[in-house]
Amino acid sequence: MSKEEFIAKLQMVYVGDKNAFNELVSVYDNLQQRIDKAIDKLYCWGETLNSNFQNEMLSILQDEEMKDYE
């Protein structure tokens, strides 16, 4: 979701659009889950930052599901 789309959704929430609120909460929850998963992987892998680790982090943070919100 772009910054402009996010602002538009917030404006929709302000006027009472429950669907817009639910969508923002859903996007937030999805992002938080991906961040938590990336942090868990970081702790599991320790300080070894090889290319496999970097590729896995990139795949977590560029999850296909988020392309709907970009």
Protein backbone atom coordinates (compact mmCIF):
# COMPACT_ATOMS: atom_id res chain seq x y z
CA MET A 1 0.00 0.00 0.00
CA SER A 2 1.44 3.34 -0.97
CA LYS A 3 1.58 6.31 1.36
CA GLU A 4 -1.23 7.99 -0.56
CA GLU A 5 -3.44 4.90 -0.36
CA PHE A 6 -2.74 4.63 3.36
CA ILE A 7 -3.76 8.26 3.92
CA ALA A 8 -6.91 7.74 1.86
CA LYS A 9 -7.80 4.68 3.97
CA LEU A 10 -7.26 6.70 7.15
CA GLN A 11 -9.60 9.36 5.82
CA MET A 12 -12.19 6.68 5.08
CA VAL A 13 -11.81 5.35 8.64
CA TYR A 14 -12.25 8.90 9.97
CA VAL A 15 -15.66 9.16 8.29
CA GLY A 16 -16.69 5.76 9.65
CA ASP A 17 -15.88 3.20 6.94
CA LYS A 18 -15.50 -0.04 8.91
CA ASN A 19 -14.22 -1.93 5.85
CA ALA A 20 -11.31 0.51 5.50
CA PHE A 21 -10.51 0.09 9.21
CA ASN A 22 -10.57 -3.70 8.90
CA GLU A 23 -8.30 -3.55 5.85
CA LEU A 24 -5.76 -1.37 7.67
CA VAL A 25 -5.78 -3.72 10.66
CA SER A 26 -5.32 -6.69 8.33
CA VAL A 27 -2.36 -5.07 6.56
CA TYR A 28 -0.81 -4.15 9.90
CA ASP A 29 -1.24 -7.69 11.26
CA ASN A 30 0.31 -9.18 8.12
CA LEU A 31 3.31 -6.85 8.30
CA GLN A 32 3.78 -7.54 12.01
CA GLN A 33 3.73 -11.31 11.42
CA ARG A 34 6.36 -10.98 8.69
CA ILE A 35 8.55 -8.78 10.87
CA ASP A 36 8.26 -11.25 13.76
CA LYS A 37 9.13 -14.12 11.43
CA ALA A 38 12.18 -12.24 10.13
CA ILE A 39 13.34 -11.46 13.68
CA ASP A 40 12.91 -15.10 14.70
CA LYS A 41 15.02 -16.17 11.73
CA LEU A 42 17.65 -13.62 12.66
CA TYR A 43 17.97 -15.06 16.17
CA CYS A 44 18.04 -18.63 14.85
CA TRP A 45 20.80 -17.88 12.36
CA GLY A 46 22.88 -15.88 14.81
CA GLU A 47 25.52 -13.61 13.39
CA THR A 48 26.09 -15.60 10.20
CA LEU A 49 24.84 -13.29 7.50
CA ASN A 50 25.52 -15.35 4.40
CA SER A 51 23.67 -15.05 1.12
CA ASN A 52 21.12 -17.74 2.04
CA PHE A 53 20.12 -15.74 5.10
CA GLN A 54 19.87 -12.52 3.12
CA ASN A 55 17.76 -14.24 0.44
CA GLU A 56 15.43 -15.71 3.05
CA MET A 57 14.97 -12.33 4.75
CA LEU A 58 14.25 -10.73 1.40
CA SER A 59 11.65 -13.38 0.55
CA ILE A 60 9.92 -12.91 3.93
CA LEU A 61 9.82 -9.14 3.60
CA GLN A 62 8.71 -9.23 -0.05
CA ASP A 63 5.90 -11.70 0.53
CA GLU A 64 3.70 -12.21 -2.53
CA GLU A 65 0.56 -11.44 -0.53
CA MET A 66 1.64 -7.82 -0.04
CA LYS A 67 1.71 -7.13 -3.78
CA ASP A 68 -2.07 -6.63 -3.53
CA TYR A 69 -1.46 -3.64 -1.27
CA GLU A 70 1.31 -1.95 -3.25
